[in-house]
Amino acid sequence: MQSEPRPFYHDGMRDLQDRFDGRRVADALATHRRRYDFWPEDRILIEQTPFFFIATSFDGYTDCSMRSGMPGFVKIVGPGLIEFPEYDGNSMYRTLGNIARNPSVGLLFVKFDGETLRIRMNGLATILDDPETLARHHAAKLVVSVDCEMYSNCPRSVHDLAGDNLSVYLPREGYETPAPQWKSRDYIRDILPENDPHRR
């Protein structure tokens, strides 16, 4: 587990929250959606996913990649702790090379099937190569362990690619977008920004 959670928002985020009257909503979401262990829906998404996206960085250079495998290739091994295998690849080692120098990573798990499930994770990654860990992951050259801080946020922009449907919540000319469900939550609905079109 991460010993000391880092601040969830930095000054750049706070400046924009204040500019658009969003600090109250941002703080409520941090209070109610930030977590260090998996909710039941997190477990379902993670344990069934065939892919996820991972961002790494080092020395001012950021890289984003996708990791894929058979459902179950990402394993939950403890509270807020996941593992995934590194398979044979193109020998560039961009993701692992960055992790070797900077363990801070960002992960995105998302389903594009109309169920609108999405989890964002920030975490500290460790590269493992001990026999016991490798044995848990078929065909792994190495294994990456990530100690995660998780939060789920509004999935309204997630398209239903399986059904060939774009999100109904995306702005377009001549169309009034419906209010996303999260804006009606009891800890959000009365603190929406002053100019929010769905404010009561």
N, C-alpha and C. Protein backbone atom coordinates (compact mmCIF):
# COMPACT_ATOMS: atom_id res chain seq x y z
N MET A 1 0.84 -1.19 0.00
CA MET A 1 0.00 0.00 0.00
C MET A 1 0.88 1.24 0.00
N GLN A 2 0.42 2.27 -0.69
CA GLN A 2 1.15 3.52 -0.68
C GLN A 2 1.11 4.09 0.73
N SER A 3 2.29 4.41 1.27
CA SER A 3 2.37 4.80 2.68
C SER A 3 1.68 6.13 2.94
N GLU A 4 1.86 7.09 2.07
CA GLU A 4 1.29 8.42 2.28
C GLU A 4 0.67 8.91 0.97
N PRO A 5 -0.67 8.94 0.91
CA PRO A 5 -1.32 9.41 -0.33
C PRO A 5 -0.86 10.81 -0.69
N ARG A 6 -0.59 11.01 -1.95
CA ARG A 6 -0.20 12.32 -2.43
C ARG A 6 -1.43 13.20 -2.56
N PRO A 7 -1.27 14.51 -2.55
CA PRO A 7 -2.43 15.38 -2.78
C PRO A 7 -3.10 15.01 -4.10
N PHE A 8 -4.41 14.97 -4.10
CA PHE A 8 -5.16 14.57 -5.28
C PHE A 8 -5.18 15.67 -6.34
N TYR A 9 -5.09 16.92 -5.90
CA TYR A 9 -5.11 18.06 -6.82
C TYR A 9 -3.90 18.94 -6.58
N HIS A 10 -3.27 19.43 -7.65
CA HIS A 10 -2.18 20.39 -7.50
C HIS A 10 -2.69 21.78 -7.90
N ASP A 11 -1.81 22.77 -7.81
CA ASP A 11 -2.23 24.16 -8.02
C ASP A 11 -2.81 24.41 -9.40
N GLY A 12 -2.25 23.75 -10.41
CA GLY A 12 -2.78 23.94 -11.76
C GLY A 12 -4.21 23.47 -11.87
N MET A 13 -4.51 22.34 -11.23
CA MET A 13 -5.89 21.84 -11.22
C MET A 13 -6.80 22.77 -10.43
N ARG A 14 -6.31 23.22 -9.27
CA ARG A 14 -7.10 24.10 -8.42
C ARG A 14 -7.42 25.42 -9.13
N ASP A 15 -6.44 25.95 -9.86
CA ASP A 15 -6.68 27.21 -10.58
C ASP A 15 -7.85 27.07 -11.56
N LEU A 16 -7.89 25.97 -12.29
CA LEU A 16 -8.97 25.76 -13.25
C LEU A 16 -10.29 25.45 -12.55
N GLN A 17 -10.23 24.70 -11.45
CA GLN A 17 -11.46 24.45 -10.68
C GLN A 17 -12.07 25.76 -10.21
N ASP A 18 -11.23 26.66 -9.74
CA ASP A 18 -11.73 27.95 -9.26
C ASP A 18 -12.20 28.83 -10.43
N ARG A 19 -11.51 28.77 -11.53
CA ARG A 19 -11.91 29.59 -12.69
C ARG A 19 -13.31 29.22 -13.15
N PHE A 20 -13.66 27.93 -13.10
CA PHE A 20 -14.95 27.47 -13.59
C PHE A 20 -15.88 27.00 -12.47
N ASP A 21 -15.62 27.48 -11.24
CA ASP A 21 -16.49 27.21 -10.09
C ASP A 21 -16.69 25.71 -9.87
N GLY A 22 -15.62 24.94 -10.01
CA GLY A 22 -15.74 23.49 -9.89
C GLY A 22 -15.11 22.88 -8.65
N ARG A 23 -14.56 23.71 -7.76
CA ARG A 23 -13.84 23.17 -6.60
C ARG A 23 -14.75 22.31 -5.72
N ARG A 24 -15.99 22.74 -5.51
CA ARG A 24 -16.89 21.98 -4.63
C ARG A 24 -17.14 20.59 -5.20
N VAL A 25 -17.40 20.53 -6.51
CA VAL A 25 -17.65 19.23 -7.16
C VAL A 25 -16.39 18.38 -7.12
N ALA A 26 -15.24 18.99 -7.42
CA ALA A 26 -13.97 18.25 -7.41
C ALA A 26 -13.69 17.65 -6.04
N ASP A 27 -13.93 18.42 -4.99
CA ASP A 27 -13.68 17.91 -3.64
C ASP A 27 -14.66 16.80 -3.27
N ALA A 28 -15.92 16.94 -3.69
CA ALA A 28 -16.90 15.89 -3.41
C ALA A 28 -16.54 14.60 -4.14
N LEU A 29 -16.10 14.72 -5.38
CA LEU A 29 -15.72 13.52 -6.13
C LEU A 29 -14.50 12.85 -5.51
N ALA A 30 -13.54 13.65 -5.05
CA ALA A 30 -12.36 13.08 -4.40
C ALA A 30 -12.77 12.35 -3.12
N THR A 31 -13.71 12.92 -2.39
CA THR A 31 -14.15 12.30 -1.14
C THR A 31 -14.89 11.00 -1.37
N HIS A 32 -15.74 10.97 -2.40
CA HIS A 32 -16.63 9.82 -2.59
C HIS A 32 -16.14 8.80 -3.61
N ARG A 33 -15.19 9.16 -4.48
CA ARG A 33 -14.79 8.25 -5.55
C ARG A 33 -13.35 7.79 -5.47
N ARG A 34 -12.51 8.46 -4.71
CA ARG A 34 -11.11 8.07 -4.55
C ARG A 34 -11.03 6.91 -3.57
N ARG A 35 -10.20 5.91 -3.88
CA ARG A 35 -10.12 4.73 -3.02
C ARG A 35 -8.78 4.02 -3.20
N TYR A 36 -8.49 3.14 -2.24
CA TYR A 36 -7.23 2.40 -2.24
C TYR A 36 -7.46 0.90 -2.16
N ASP A 37 -8.71 0.50 -2.32
CA ASP A 37 -9.04 -0.91 -2.45
C ASP A 37 -10.13 -1.01 -3.52
N PHE A 38 -10.35 -2.21 -4.00
CA PHE A 38 -11.22 -2.39 -5.15
C PHE A 38 -12.68 -2.53 -4.75
N TRP A 39 -13.54 -1.77 -5.42
CA TRP A 39 -14.98 -1.96 -5.30
C TRP A 39 -15.34 -3.22 -6.08
N PRO A 40 -16.50 -3.83 -5.80
CA PRO A 40 -16.88 -5.05 -6.54
C PRO A 40 -16.89 -4.85 -8.06
N GLU A 41 -17.37 -3.70 -8.53
CA GLU A 41 -17.39 -3.47 -9.98
C GLU A 41 -15.98 -3.29 -10.54
N ASP A 42 -15.05 -2.80 -9.72
CA ASP A 42 -13.64 -2.72 -10.14
C ASP A 42 -13.10 -4.11 -10.43
N ARG A 43 -13.37 -5.02 -9.51
CA ARG A 43 -12.86 -6.39 -9.65
C ARG A 43 -13.38 -7.03 -10.93
N ILE A 44 -14.65 -6.85 -11.20
CA ILE A 44 -15.23 -7.45 -12.41
C ILE A 44 -14.54 -6.91 -13.65
N LEU A 45 -14.41 -5.59 -13.73
CA LEU A 45 -13.78 -4.98 -14.91
C LEU A 45 -12.33 -5.43 -15.05
N ILE A 46 -11.57 -5.36 -13.98
CA ILE A 46 -10.14 -5.69 -14.05
C ILE A 46 -9.93 -7.16 -14.38
N GLU A 47 -10.66 -8.03 -13.72
CA GLU A 47 -10.43 -9.47 -13.91
C GLU A 47 -10.96 -9.99 -15.24
N GLN A 48 -11.82 -9.23 -15.92
CA GLN A 48 -12.36 -9.66 -17.21
C GLN A 48 -11.77 -8.91 -18.39
N THR A 49 -10.94 -7.91 -18.12
CA THR A 49 -10.48 -7.06 -19.22
C THR A 49 -9.51 -7.79 -20.15
N PRO A 50 -9.62 -7.56 -21.46
CA PRO A 50 -8.62 -8.08 -22.40
C PRO A 50 -7.55 -7.03 -22.74
N PHE A 51 -7.68 -5.82 -22.17
CA PHE A 51 -6.69 -4.77 -22.45
C PHE A 51 -6.87 -3.63 -21.45
N PHE A 52 -5.83 -2.81 -21.34
CA PHE A 52 -5.92 -1.53 -20.62
C PHE A 52 -4.83 -0.63 -21.18
N PHE A 53 -4.90 0.64 -20.83
CA PHE A 53 -3.93 1.62 -21.28
C PHE A 53 -3.03 2.02 -20.11
N ILE A 54 -1.75 2.25 -20.41
CA ILE A 54 -0.80 2.63 -19.36
C ILE A 54 0.07 3.78 -19.85
N ALA A 55 0.22 4.79 -19.00
CA ALA A 55 1.10 5.93 -19.29
C ALA A 55 2.27 5.92 -18.32
N THR A 56 3.46 6.14 -18.87
CA THR A 56 4.68 6.20 -18.08
C THR A 56 5.46 7.43 -18.53
N SER A 57 6.44 7.83 -17.73
CA SER A 57 7.24 9.00 -18.12
C SER A 57 8.61 8.94 -17.48
N PHE A 58 9.54 9.64 -18.12
CA PHE A 58 10.88 9.82 -17.56
C PHE A 58 11.54 11.01 -18.23
N ASP A 59 12.16 11.85 -17.42
CA ASP A 59 12.96 12.97 -17.90
C ASP A 59 12.17 13.87 -18.85
N GLY A 60 10.92 14.13 -18.50
CA GLY A 60 10.10 15.03 -19.30
C GLY A 60 9.46 14.43 -20.52
N TYR A 61 9.65 13.13 -20.75
CA TYR A 61 9.08 12.47 -21.92
C TYR A 61 8.03 11.47 -21.45
N THR A 62 6.82 11.62 -21.96
CA THR A 62 5.71 10.75 -21.55
C THR A 62 5.35 9.80 -22.67
N ASP A 63 5.04 8.57 -22.30
CA ASP A 63 4.72 7.53 -23.28
C ASP A 63 3.41 6.87 -22.85
N CYS A 64 2.56 6.56 -23.82
CA CYS A 64 1.30 5.87 -23.53
C CYS A 64 1.24 4.61 -24.38
N SER A 65 0.82 3.51 -23.78
CA SER A 65 0.78 2.24 -24.48
C SER A 65 -0.44 1.45 -24.04
N MET A 66 -0.66 0.33 -24.70
CA MET A 66 -1.75 -0.56 -24.34
C MET A 66 -1.15 -1.91 -23.98
N ARG A 67 -1.72 -2.55 -22.99
CA ARG A 67 -1.34 -3.90 -22.63
C ARG A 67 -2.55 -4.79 -22.86
N SER A 68 -2.32 -5.91 -23.53
CA SER A 68 -3.41 -6.83 -23.86
C SER A 68 -3.08 -8.24 -23.43
N GLY A 69 -4.14 -9.02 -23.22
CA GLY A 69 -3.97 -10.42 -22.86
C GLY A 69 -5.33 -11.08 -22.78
N MET A 70 -5.32 -12.35 -22.56
CA MET A 70 -6.57 -13.06 -22.36
C MET A 70 -7.22 -12.58 -21.06
N PRO A 71 -8.56 -12.50 -21.00
CA PRO A 71 -9.20 -12.08 -19.75
C PRO A 71 -8.64 -12.86 -18.56
N GLY A 72 -8.27 -12.12 -17.53
CA GLY A 72 -7.62 -12.72 -16.37
C GLY A 72 -6.13 -12.45 -16.35
N PHE A 73 -5.59 -11.83 -17.42
CA PHE A 73 -4.14 -11.59 -17.43
C PHE A 73 -3.73 -10.53 -16.41
N VAL A 74 -4.66 -9.64 -16.04
CA VAL A 74 -4.41 -8.72 -14.93
C VAL A 74 -4.97 -9.37 -13.67
N LYS A 75 -4.13 -9.49 -12.66
CA LYS A 75 -4.53 -10.18 -11.44
C LYS A 75 -4.55 -9.22 -10.26
N ILE A 76 -5.60 -9.30 -9.47
CA ILE A 76 -5.67 -8.57 -8.20
C ILE A 76 -5.01 -9.46 -7.15
N VAL A 77 -3.95 -8.95 -6.53
CA VAL A 77 -3.18 -9.78 -5.60
C VAL A 77 -3.20 -9.24 -4.17
N GLY A 78 -3.89 -8.13 -3.95
CA GLY A 78 -4.00 -7.58 -2.60
C GLY A 78 -4.84 -6.32 -2.64
N PRO A 79 -5.10 -5.70 -1.49
CA PRO A 79 -5.87 -4.46 -1.47
C PRO A 79 -5.16 -3.37 -2.29
N GLY A 80 -5.81 -2.93 -3.36
CA GLY A 80 -5.23 -1.89 -4.20
C GLY A 80 -3.99 -2.31 -4.96
N LEU A 81 -3.76 -3.62 -5.10
CA LEU A 81 -2.53 -4.11 -5.72
C LEU A 81 -2.85 -5.04 -6.88
N ILE A 82 -2.32 -4.73 -8.05
CA ILE A 82 -2.52 -5.59 -9.22
C ILE A 82 -1.16 -6.01 -9.79
N GLU A 83 -1.21 -7.06 -10.60
CA GLU A 83 -0.05 -7.51 -11.36
C GLU A 83 -0.48 -7.77 -12.80
N PHE A 84 0.43 -7.52 -13.72
CA PHE A 84 0.19 -7.92 -15.11
C PHE A 84 1.51 -8.36 -15.73
N PRO A 85 1.44 -9.29 -16.69
CA PRO A 85 2.66 -9.82 -17.29
C PRO A 85 3.17 -8.95 -18.43
N GLU A 86 4.45 -8.99 -18.62
CA GLU A 86 5.08 -8.43 -19.81
C GLU A 86 5.45 -9.60 -20.70
N TYR A 87 4.80 -9.66 -21.86
CA TYR A 87 5.05 -10.74 -22.80
C TYR A 87 6.18 -10.37 -23.76
N ASP A 88 6.53 -11.31 -24.62
CA ASP A 88 7.50 -11.04 -25.68
C ASP A 88 6.99 -9.89 -26.53
N GLY A 89 7.86 -8.92 -26.82
CA GLY A 89 7.43 -7.73 -27.55
C GLY A 89 8.43 -7.31 -28.61
N ASN A 90 8.49 -5.99 -28.83
CA ASN A 90 9.31 -5.47 -29.93
C ASN A 90 10.73 -5.08 -29.49
N SER A 91 11.09 -5.39 -28.26
CA SER A 91 12.43 -5.15 -27.72
C SER A 91 12.76 -3.69 -27.48
N MET A 92 11.77 -2.79 -27.56
CA MET A 92 12.04 -1.38 -27.25
C MET A 92 12.01 -1.12 -25.74
N TYR A 93 11.15 -1.82 -25.00
CA TYR A 93 11.04 -1.68 -23.56
C TYR A 93 10.80 -0.23 -23.12
N ARG A 94 9.96 0.45 -23.85
CA ARG A 94 9.68 1.84 -23.52
C ARG A 94 8.91 1.95 -22.18
N THR A 95 7.90 1.13 -22.04
CA THR A 95 7.11 1.20 -20.81
C THR A 95 7.94 0.73 -19.61
N LEU A 96 8.55 -0.43 -19.72
CA LEU A 96 9.34 -0.95 -18.60
C LEU A 96 10.57 -0.10 -18.34
N GLY A 97 11.17 0.42 -19.39
CA GLY A 97 12.33 1.28 -19.21
C GLY A 97 11.98 2.53 -18.43
N ASN A 98 10.83 3.13 -18.75
CA ASN A 98 10.39 4.29 -17.98
C ASN A 98 10.12 3.91 -16.52
N ILE A 99 9.43 2.78 -16.32
CA ILE A 99 9.13 2.34 -14.94
C ILE A 99 10.41 2.11 -14.16
N ALA A 100 11.45 1.58 -14.82
CA ALA A 100 12.72 1.34 -14.13
C ALA A 100 13.35 2.63 -13.62
N ARG A 101 13.03 3.75 -14.28
CA ARG A 101 13.57 5.05 -13.87
C ARG A 101 12.59 5.89 -13.07
N ASN A 102 11.29 5.68 -13.31
CA ASN A 102 10.26 6.45 -12.63
C ASN A 102 9.05 5.55 -12.40
N PRO A 103 8.78 5.12 -11.17
CA PRO A 103 7.73 4.14 -10.91
C PRO A 103 6.31 4.70 -11.01
N SER A 104 6.14 6.01 -11.17
CA SER A 104 4.80 6.59 -11.24
C SER A 104 4.15 6.25 -12.57
N VAL A 105 2.95 5.67 -12.51
CA VAL A 105 2.24 5.26 -13.73
C VAL A 105 0.79 5.69 -13.64
N GLY A 106 0.15 5.79 -14.80
CA GLY A 106 -1.28 6.03 -14.89
C GLY A 106 -1.90 4.93 -15.73
N LEU A 107 -2.99 4.33 -15.24
CA LEU A 107 -3.66 3.24 -15.95
C LEU A 107 -5.11 3.62 -16.19
N LEU A 108 -5.64 3.15 -17.31
CA LEU A 108 -7.05 3.36 -17.63
C LEU A 108 -7.65 2.03 -18.07
N PHE A 109 -8.65 1.59 -17.32
CA PHE A 109 -9.44 0.42 -17.68
C PHE A 109 -10.80 0.92 -18.15
N VAL A 110 -11.23 0.46 -19.31
CA VAL A 110 -12.51 0.95 -19.85
C VAL A 110 -13.14 -0.13 -20.70
N LYS A 111 -14.48 -0.22 -20.63
CA LYS A 111 -15.23 -1.12 -21.49
C LYS A 111 -15.99 -0.28 -22.50
N PHE A 112 -15.90 -0.67 -23.76
CA PHE A 112 -16.59 0.05 -24.83
C PHE A 112 -17.79 -0.75 -25.31
N ASP A 113 -18.60 -1.22 -24.38
CA ASP A 113 -19.72 -2.08 -24.78
C ASP A 113 -21.08 -1.57 -24.29
N GLY A 114 -21.14 -0.31 -23.93
CA GLY A 114 -22.40 0.26 -23.50
C GLY A 114 -22.64 0.15 -22.01
N GLU A 115 -21.79 -0.58 -21.29
CA GLU A 115 -21.97 -0.70 -19.84
C GLU A 115 -21.32 0.45 -19.09
N THR A 116 -20.60 1.28 -19.81
CA THR A 116 -19.99 2.51 -19.29
C THR A 116 -19.18 2.29 -18.01
N LEU A 117 -18.32 1.29 -18.02
CA LEU A 117 -17.43 1.06 -16.89
C LEU A 117 -16.05 1.64 -17.22
N ARG A 118 -15.51 2.39 -16.26
CA ARG A 118 -14.19 2.98 -16.47
C ARG A 118 -13.55 3.20 -15.11
N ILE A 119 -12.27 2.85 -15.01
CA ILE A 119 -11.51 3.09 -13.79
C ILE A 119 -10.20 3.77 -14.17
N ARG A 120 -9.90 4.85 -13.50
CA ARG A 120 -8.61 5.50 -13.66
C ARG A 120 -7.77 5.15 -12.43
N MET A 121 -6.51 4.83 -12.67
CA MET A 121 -5.60 4.48 -11.58
C MET A 121 -4.31 5.27 -11.71
N ASN A 122 -3.84 5.76 -10.58
CA ASN A 122 -2.49 6.29 -10.48
C ASN A 122 -1.77 5.37 -9.51
N GLY A 123 -0.52 5.07 -9.79
CA GLY A 123 0.14 4.15 -8.89
C GLY A 123 1.64 4.15 -9.00
N LEU A 124 2.22 3.33 -8.16
CA LEU A 124 3.67 3.11 -8.15
C LEU A 124 3.92 1.69 -8.62
N ALA A 125 4.71 1.56 -9.65
CA ALA A 125 4.95 0.26 -10.28
C ALA A 125 6.30 -0.31 -9.88
N THR A 126 6.34 -1.63 -9.79
CA THR A 126 7.57 -2.37 -9.51
C THR A 126 7.70 -3.49 -10.52
N ILE A 127 8.88 -3.69 -11.06
CA ILE A 127 9.14 -4.78 -12.01
C ILE A 127 9.64 -5.99 -11.23
N LEU A 128 8.97 -7.12 -11.42
CA LEU A 128 9.29 -8.34 -10.68
C LEU A 128 9.75 -9.45 -11.63
N ASP A 129 10.70 -10.25 -11.16
CA ASP A 129 11.14 -11.38 -11.98
C ASP A 129 11.44 -12.62 -11.15
N ASP A 130 10.90 -12.67 -9.93
CA ASP A 130 11.15 -13.85 -9.10
C ASP A 130 10.31 -15.02 -9.62
N PRO A 131 10.77 -16.25 -9.44
CA PRO A 131 10.08 -17.42 -10.00
C PRO A 131 8.64 -17.57 -9.53
N GLU A 132 8.36 -17.25 -8.28
CA GLU A 132 7.00 -17.41 -7.77
C GLU A 132 6.02 -16.48 -8.48
N THR A 133 6.44 -15.24 -8.68
CA THR A 133 5.57 -14.29 -9.36
C THR A 133 5.43 -14.65 -10.83
N LEU A 134 6.52 -14.98 -11.49
CA LEU A 134 6.46 -15.36 -12.91
C LEU A 134 5.55 -16.56 -13.12
N ALA A 135 5.52 -17.47 -12.16
CA ALA A 135 4.70 -18.68 -12.30
C ALA A 135 3.21 -18.37 -12.30
N ARG A 136 2.83 -17.21 -11.76
CA ARG A 136 1.41 -16.83 -11.76
C ARG A 136 0.94 -16.30 -13.10
N HIS A 137 1.88 -16.06 -14.03
CA HIS A 137 1.54 -15.40 -15.29
C HIS A 137 2.14 -16.19 -16.46
N HIS A 138 1.32 -16.95 -17.15
CA HIS A 138 1.77 -17.77 -18.26
C HIS A 138 2.49 -16.93 -19.31
N ALA A 139 3.65 -17.38 -19.73
CA ALA A 139 4.45 -16.78 -20.81
C ALA A 139 5.02 -15.41 -20.46
N ALA A 140 5.04 -15.04 -19.19
CA ALA A 140 5.58 -13.74 -18.81
C ALA A 140 7.10 -13.73 -18.83
N LYS A 141 7.68 -12.69 -19.43
CA LYS A 141 9.12 -12.45 -19.32
C LYS A 141 9.44 -11.73 -18.01
N LEU A 142 8.54 -10.81 -17.66
CA LEU A 142 8.62 -10.06 -16.42
C LEU A 142 7.19 -9.81 -15.96
N VAL A 143 7.04 -9.34 -14.74
CA VAL A 143 5.72 -9.00 -14.21
C VAL A 143 5.80 -7.60 -13.61
N VAL A 144 4.77 -6.80 -13.85
CA VAL A 144 4.69 -5.47 -13.26
C VAL A 144 3.63 -5.48 -12.17
N SER A 145 4.01 -5.04 -11.00
CA SER A 145 3.09 -4.88 -9.88
C SER A 145 2.80 -3.39 -9.71
N VAL A 146 1.53 -3.05 -9.50
CA VAL A 146 1.17 -1.64 -9.33
C VAL A 146 0.35 -1.47 -8.06
N ASP A 147 0.83 -0.61 -7.18
CA ASP A 147 0.13 -0.21 -5.96
C ASP A 147 -0.73 1.00 -6.34
N CYS A 148 -2.05 0.86 -6.30
CA CYS A 148 -2.96 1.77 -6.98
C CYS A 148 -3.74 2.70 -6.07
N GLU A 149 -3.89 3.92 -6.54
CA GLU A 149 -4.91 4.84 -6.07
C GLU A 149 -5.94 4.89 -7.19
N MET A 150 -7.20 4.63 -6.87
CA MET A 150 -8.22 4.51 -7.92
C MET A 150 -9.30 5.56 -7.77
N TYR A 151 -9.86 5.93 -8.90
CA TYR A 151 -11.08 6.72 -8.88
C TYR A 151 -11.82 6.47 -10.19
N SER A 152 -13.12 6.42 -10.08
CA SER A 152 -13.94 6.29 -11.27
C SER A 152 -14.65 7.62 -11.46
N ASN A 153 -14.66 8.08 -12.69
CA ASN A 153 -15.34 9.34 -12.95
C ASN A 153 -16.34 9.14 -14.08
N CYS A 154 -16.98 10.20 -14.46
CA CYS A 154 -18.12 10.12 -15.37
C CYS A 154 -17.77 9.38 -16.66
N PRO A 155 -18.50 8.32 -16.98
CA PRO A 155 -18.22 7.55 -18.20
C PRO A 155 -19.04 8.02 -19.40
N ARG A 156 -19.61 9.22 -19.33
CA ARG A 156 -20.55 9.63 -20.38
C ARG A 156 -19.92 9.72 -21.77
N SER A 157 -18.61 9.91 -21.85
CA SER A 157 -17.97 10.02 -23.16
C SER A 157 -17.52 8.68 -23.73
N VAL A 158 -17.78 7.59 -22.99
CA VAL A 158 -17.37 6.27 -23.46
C VAL A 158 -18.37 5.77 -24.50
N HIS A 159 -17.89 5.46 -25.67
CA HIS A 159 -18.75 4.99 -26.75
C HIS A 159 -19.07 3.51 -26.60
N ASP A 160 -20.21 3.12 -27.12
CA ASP A 160 -20.60 1.71 -27.19
C ASP A 160 -20.12 1.19 -28.54
N LEU A 161 -18.86 0.80 -28.60
CA LEU A 161 -18.29 0.35 -29.87
C LEU A 161 -18.84 -1.01 -30.28
N ALA A 162 -19.17 -1.85 -29.29
CA ALA A 162 -19.73 -3.16 -29.61
C ALA A 162 -21.08 -3.01 -30.31
N GLY A 163 -21.85 -2.01 -29.90
CA GLY A 163 -23.15 -1.77 -30.52
C GLY A 163 -23.10 -0.75 -31.63
N ASP A 164 -21.89 -0.26 -31.96
CA ASP A 164 -21.69 0.74 -33.00
C ASP A 164 -22.49 2.02 -32.72
N ASN A 165 -22.47 2.43 -31.43
CA ASN A 165 -23.20 3.63 -31.03
C ASN A 165 -22.24 4.60 -30.34
N LEU A 166 -22.29 5.86 -30.76
CA LEU A 166 -21.52 6.89 -30.09
C LEU A 166 -22.28 7.35 -28.85
N SER A 167 -21.57 7.91 -27.90
CA SER A 167 -22.20 8.36 -26.66
C SER A 167 -23.26 9.42 -26.93
N VAL A 168 -24.38 9.30 -26.27
CA VAL A 168 -25.47 10.29 -26.41
C VAL A 168 -25.14 11.57 -25.65
N TYR A 169 -24.09 11.56 -24.85
CA TYR A 169 -23.77 12.71 -24.00
C TYR A 169 -22.80 13.69 -24.65
N LEU A 170 -22.34 13.40 -25.85
CA LEU A 170 -21.37 14.28 -26.48
C LEU A 170 -22.05 15.46 -27.16
N PRO A 171 -21.52 16.67 -26.95
CA PRO A 171 -22.14 17.85 -27.58
C PRO A 171 -22.07 17.77 -29.10
N ARG A 172 -23.12 18.24 -29.73
CA ARG A 172 -23.17 18.37 -31.19
C ARG A 172 -24.18 19.45 -31.52
N GLU A 173 -24.04 20.04 -32.65
CA GLU A 173 -24.91 21.15 -33.03
C GLU A 173 -26.35 20.68 -33.19
N GLY A 174 -27.29 21.51 -32.70
CA GLY A 174 -28.70 21.20 -32.84
C GLY A 174 -29.17 20.09 -31.92
N TYR A 175 -28.44 19.82 -30.84
CA TYR A 175 -28.77 18.70 -29.96
C TYR A 175 -28.56 19.12 -28.52
N GLU A 176 -29.52 18.82 -27.67
CA GLU A 176 -29.39 19.12 -26.24
C GLU A 176 -28.96 17.86 -25.51
N THR A 177 -27.78 17.88 -24.95
CA THR A 177 -27.25 16.68 -24.30
C THR A 177 -27.99 16.43 -22.98
N PRO A 178 -28.31 15.18 -22.69
CA PRO A 178 -28.96 14.87 -21.41
C PRO A 178 -27.96 15.00 -20.26
N ALA A 179 -28.49 15.17 -19.06
CA ALA A 179 -27.63 15.25 -17.87
C ALA A 179 -27.10 13.86 -17.54
N PRO A 180 -25.82 13.73 -17.29
CA PRO A 180 -25.29 12.43 -16.87
C PRO A 180 -25.80 12.08 -15.48
N GLN A 181 -25.88 10.79 -15.21
CA GLN A 181 -26.45 10.30 -13.96
C GLN A 181 -25.70 10.85 -12.74
N TRP A 182 -24.39 10.98 -12.84
CA TRP A 182 -23.62 11.36 -11.66
C TRP A 182 -23.99 12.74 -11.14
N LYS A 183 -24.52 13.62 -12.01
CA LYS A 183 -24.87 14.96 -11.55
C LYS A 183 -26.11 14.97 -10.65
N SER A 184 -26.81 13.85 -10.57
CA SER A 184 -27.98 13.78 -9.70
C SER A 184 -27.68 13.12 -8.36
N ARG A 185 -26.42 12.72 -8.13
CA ARG A 185 -26.07 12.11 -6.85
C ARG A 185 -26.30 13.11 -5.72
N ASP A 186 -26.67 12.61 -4.56
CA ASP A 186 -27.04 13.49 -3.46
C ASP A 186 -25.89 14.38 -3.00
N TYR A 187 -24.65 13.96 -3.19
CA TYR A 187 -23.52 14.78 -2.76
C TYR A 187 -23.01 15.71 -3.86
N ILE A 188 -23.68 15.70 -5.03
CA ILE A 188 -23.26 16.53 -6.15
C ILE A 188 -24.35 17.52 -6.58
N ARG A 189 -25.58 17.10 -6.62
CA ARG A 189 -26.63 17.86 -7.32
C ARG A 189 -26.80 19.29 -6.82
N ASP A 190 -26.52 19.53 -5.54
CA ASP A 190 -26.72 20.88 -5.00
C ASP A 190 -25.46 21.75 -5.02
N ILE A 191 -24.36 21.22 -5.53
CA ILE A 191 -23.11 22.00 -5.52
C ILE A 191 -22.52 22.14 -6.92
N LEU A 192 -23.32 21.91 -7.95
CA LEU A 192 -22.82 22.05 -9.32
C LEU A 192 -22.38 23.49 -9.57
N PRO A 193 -21.43 23.70 -10.50
CA PRO A 193 -21.00 25.07 -10.80
C PRO A 193 -22.17 25.96 -11.20
N GLU A 194 -22.02 27.24 -10.93
CA GLU A 194 -23.09 28.20 -11.19
C GLU A 194 -23.59 28.17 -12.63
N ASN A 195 -22.68 27.96 -13.58
CA ASN A 195 -23.08 28.01 -14.99
C ASN A 195 -23.36 26.64 -15.58
N ASP A 196 -23.46 25.60 -14.73
CA ASP A 196 -23.73 24.27 -15.25
C ASP A 196 -25.15 24.22 -15.82
N PRO A 197 -25.32 23.76 -17.05
CA PRO A 197 -26.67 23.74 -17.66
C PRO A 197 -27.62 22.79 -16.96
N HIS A 198 -27.12 21.88 -16.15
CA HIS A 198 -27.99 20.94 -15.46
C HIS A 198 -28.19 21.28 -13.99
N ARG A 199 -27.71 22.46 -13.59
CA ARG A 199 -27.91 22.91 -12.21
C ARG A 199 -29.39 23.17 -11.96
N ARG A 200 -29.86 22.74 -10.82
CA ARG A 200 -31.27 22.95 -10.47
C ARG A 200 -31.52 24.37 -10.03
